[in-house]
Amino acid sequence: MEIRLKTKILFFALLICVISAMIFGEVIIAYHFDHECTAIDIYCPVCLKINVLNNFLKTLMTASVILYLAALLFSFNIKRLKYLILYPYQLTSVKLKIRSNS
């Protein structure tokens, strides 16, 4: 298999894993929404599971927002950088619309 195809397959597999973890986390939180803790001590397994899932989902949300912002900034900068990096010597006075009066 080509390396790019393997990379794409691994990327989509990771994406499916993350999305399924988010969905199942939300399902578990919704299922235990009306949980009334009967444990006297602080080690209730349901409460711990809900807290861990809440923290996990908050972390994923923060990471996805940062990823979207990075992709947005990269997409704006790539258009400008393409001409500066790939075509620096192809600029002529006609392309720059410089008028010479001499």
C-alpha atoms as a PDB file:
ATOM      1  CA  MET A   1       0.000   0.000   0.000  1.00  0.00           C
ATOM      2  CA  GLU A   2       1.045   3.501  -0.636  1.00  0.00           C
ATOM      3  CA  ILE A   3       2.196   5.480   2.396  1.00  0.00           C
ATOM      4  CA  ARG A   4      -0.371   8.230   1.862  1.00  0.00           C
ATOM      5  CA  LEU A   5      -3.184   5.698   1.735  1.00  0.00           C
ATOM      6  CA  LYS A   6      -1.992   4.120   4.998  1.00  0.00           C
ATOM      7  CA  THR A   7      -1.818   7.550   6.594  1.00  0.00           C
ATOM      8  CA  LYS A   8      -5.337   8.397   5.464  1.00  0.00           C
ATOM      9  CA  ILE A   9      -6.675   5.084   6.755  1.00  0.00           C
ATOM     10  CA  LEU A  10      -4.991   5.601  10.136  1.00  0.00           C
ATOM     11  CA  PHE A  11      -6.273   9.186  10.324  1.00  0.00           C
ATOM     12  CA  PHE A  12      -9.858   8.132   9.627  1.00  0.00           C
ATOM     13  CA  ALA A  13      -9.579   5.221  12.081  1.00  0.00           C
ATOM     14  CA  LEU A  14      -8.399   7.635  14.780  1.00  0.00           C
ATOM     15  CA  LEU A  15     -11.171  10.059  13.870  1.00  0.00           C
ATOM     16  CA  ILE A  16     -13.787   7.302  14.157  1.00  0.00           C
ATOM     17  CA  CYS A  17     -12.371   6.255  17.546  1.00  0.00           C
ATOM     18  CA  VAL A  18     -12.485   9.800  18.902  1.00  0.00           C
ATOM     19  CA  ILE A  19     -16.004  10.442  17.611  1.00  0.00           C
ATOM     20  CA  SER A  20     -17.276   7.125  18.987  1.00  0.00           C
ATOM     21  CA  ALA A  21     -15.658   7.881  22.368  1.00  0.00           C
ATOM     22  CA  MET A  22     -17.431  11.241  22.426  1.00  0.00           C
ATOM     23  CA  ILE A  23     -20.783   9.718  21.500  1.00  0.00           C
ATOM     24  CA  PHE A  24     -20.551   6.848  23.988  1.00  0.00           C
ATOM     25  CA  GLY A  25     -19.370   9.251  26.689  1.00  0.00           C
ATOM     26  CA  GLU A  26     -22.410  11.428  26.122  1.00  0.00           C
ATOM     27  CA  VAL A  27     -24.663   8.350  26.176  1.00  0.00           C
ATOM     28  CA  ILE A  28     -23.234   7.184  29.498  1.00  0.00           C
ATOM     29  CA  ILE A  29     -23.601  10.646  31.010  1.00  0.00           C
ATOM     30  CA  ALA A  30     -27.184  10.874  29.773  1.00  0.00           C
ATOM     31  CA  TYR A  31     -27.965   7.383  31.105  1.00  0.00           C
ATOM     32  CA  HIS A  32     -26.679   8.274  34.584  1.00  0.00           C
ATOM     33  CA  PHE A  33     -28.098  11.810  34.545  1.00  0.00           C
ATOM     34  CA  ASP A  34     -30.448  11.254  37.470  1.00  0.00           C
ATOM     35  CA  HIS A  35     -27.885   9.367  39.573  1.00  0.00           C
ATOM     36  CA  GLU A  36     -28.404   9.826  43.285  1.00  0.00           C
ATOM     37  CA  CYS A  37     -25.245   8.843  45.050  1.00  0.00           C
ATOM     38  CA  THR A  38     -25.908   6.387  47.852  1.00  0.00           C
ATOM     39  CA  ALA A  39     -22.266   5.881  48.744  1.00  0.00           C
ATOM     40  CA  ILE A  40     -21.233   7.445  52.020  1.00  0.00           C
ATOM     41  CA  ASP A  41     -17.595   7.771  51.040  1.00  0.00           C
ATOM     42  CA  ILE A  42     -16.320   9.764  48.063  1.00  0.00           C
ATOM     43  CA  TYR A  43     -15.498   6.696  45.955  1.00  0.00           C
ATOM     44  CA  CYS A  44     -18.778   6.173  44.131  1.00  0.00           C
ATOM     45  CA  PRO A  45     -17.884   4.444  40.827  1.00  0.00           C
ATOM     46  CA  VAL A  46     -20.719   6.100  38.927  1.00  0.00           C
ATOM     47  CA  CYS A  47     -19.759   9.589  40.124  1.00  0.00           C
ATOM     48  CA  LEU A  48     -16.115   8.931  39.252  1.00  0.00           C
ATOM     49  CA  LYS A  49     -17.089   7.701  35.782  1.00  0.00           C
ATOM     50  CA  ILE A  50     -19.227  10.788  35.168  1.00  0.00           C
ATOM     51  CA  ASN A  51     -16.442  13.131  36.310  1.00  0.00           C
ATOM     52  CA  VAL A  52     -13.837  11.391  34.147  1.00  0.00           C
ATOM     53  CA  LEU A  53     -16.107  11.527  31.103  1.00  0.00           C
ATOM     54  CA  ASN A  54     -16.910  15.207  31.686  1.00  0.00           C
ATOM     55  CA  ASN A  55     -13.203  16.052  31.868  1.00  0.00           C
ATOM     56  CA  PHE A  56     -12.476  13.934  28.785  1.00  0.00           C
ATOM     57  CA  LEU A  57     -15.198  15.652  26.757  1.00  0.00           C
ATOM     58  CA  LYS A  58     -14.023  19.107  27.858  1.00  0.00           C
ATOM     59  CA  THR A  59     -10.476  18.230  26.794  1.00  0.00           C
ATOM     60  CA  LEU A  60     -11.657  16.971  23.408  1.00  0.00           C
ATOM     61  CA  MET A  61     -13.729  20.102  22.898  1.00  0.00           C
ATOM     62  CA  THR A  62     -10.748  22.330  23.660  1.00  0.00           C
ATOM     63  CA  ALA A  63      -8.482  20.304  21.390  1.00  0.00           C
ATOM     64  CA  SER A  64     -10.985  20.404  18.536  1.00  0.00           C
ATOM     65  CA  VAL A  65     -11.410  24.179  18.821  1.00  0.00           C
ATOM     66  CA  ILE A  66      -7.628  24.637  18.750  1.00  0.00           C
ATOM     67  CA  LEU A  67      -7.366  22.319  15.747  1.00  0.00           C
ATOM     68  CA  TYR A  68     -10.079  24.214  13.867  1.00  0.00           C
ATOM     69  CA  LEU A  69      -8.414  27.562  14.594  1.00  0.00           C
ATOM     70  CA  ALA A  70      -5.032  26.250  13.465  1.00  0.00           C
ATOM     71  CA  ALA A  71      -6.551  24.902  10.241  1.00  0.00           C
ATOM     72  CA  LEU A  72      -8.312  28.219   9.632  1.00  0.00           C
ATOM     73  CA  LEU A  73      -5.141  30.244  10.166  1.00  0.00           C
ATOM     74  CA  PHE A  74      -3.142  27.854   8.009  1.00  0.00           C
ATOM     75  CA  SER A  75      -5.680  28.069   5.171  1.00  0.00           C
ATOM     76  CA  PHE A  76      -5.505  31.878   5.186  1.00  0.00           C
ATOM     77  CA  ASN A  77      -1.721  31.945   5.320  1.00  0.00           C
ATOM     78  CA  ILE A  78      -1.113  29.267   2.685  1.00  0.00           C
ATOM     79  CA  LYS A  79      -2.568  31.451  -0.071  1.00  0.00           C
ATOM     80  CA  ARG A  80      -0.244  34.292   0.787  1.00  0.00           C
ATOM     81  CA  LEU A  81       2.796  32.105   1.447  1.00  0.00           C
ATOM     82  CA  LYS A  82       2.378  30.229  -1.820  1.00  0.00           C
ATOM     83  CA  TYR A  83       3.402  33.263  -3.824  1.00  0.00           C
ATOM     84  CA  LEU A  84       6.166  34.297  -1.465  1.00  0.00           C
ATOM     85  CA  ILE A  85       7.799  30.872  -1.270  1.00  0.00           C
ATOM     86  CA  LEU A  86       7.108  29.275  -4.633  1.00  0.00           C
ATOM     87  CA  TYR A  87       7.198  32.273  -6.967  1.00  0.00           C
ATOM     88  CA  PRO A  88       9.584  34.903  -5.551  1.00  0.00           C
ATOM     89  CA  TYR A  89      11.515  35.466  -8.795  1.00  0.00           C
ATOM     90  CA  GLN A  90       8.587  35.579 -11.198  1.00  0.00           C
ATOM     91  CA  LEU A  91       7.494  39.053 -10.179  1.00  0.00           C
ATOM     92  CA  THR A  92       8.055  41.576 -12.958  1.00  0.00           C
ATOM     93  CA  SER A  93       7.248  45.251 -13.151  1.00  0.00           C
ATOM     94  CA  VAL A  94       4.229  44.435 -15.310  1.00  0.00           C
ATOM     95  CA  LYS A  95       2.913  41.965 -12.744  1.00  0.00           C
ATOM     96  CA  LEU A  96       3.529  44.453  -9.968  1.00  0.00           C
ATOM     97  CA  LYS A  97       1.977  47.229 -12.116  1.00  0.00           C
ATOM     98  CA  ILE A  98       4.864  49.586 -11.625  1.00  0.00           C
ATOM     99  CA  ARG A  99       4.839  52.539 -13.960  1.00  0.00           C
ATOM    100  CA  SER A 100       8.080  54.088 -15.034  1.00  0.00           C
ATOM    101  CA  ASN A 101       7.947  57.765 -16.061  1.00  0.00           C
ATOM    102  CA  SER A 102      11.433  57.926 -17.541  1.00  0.00           C
END
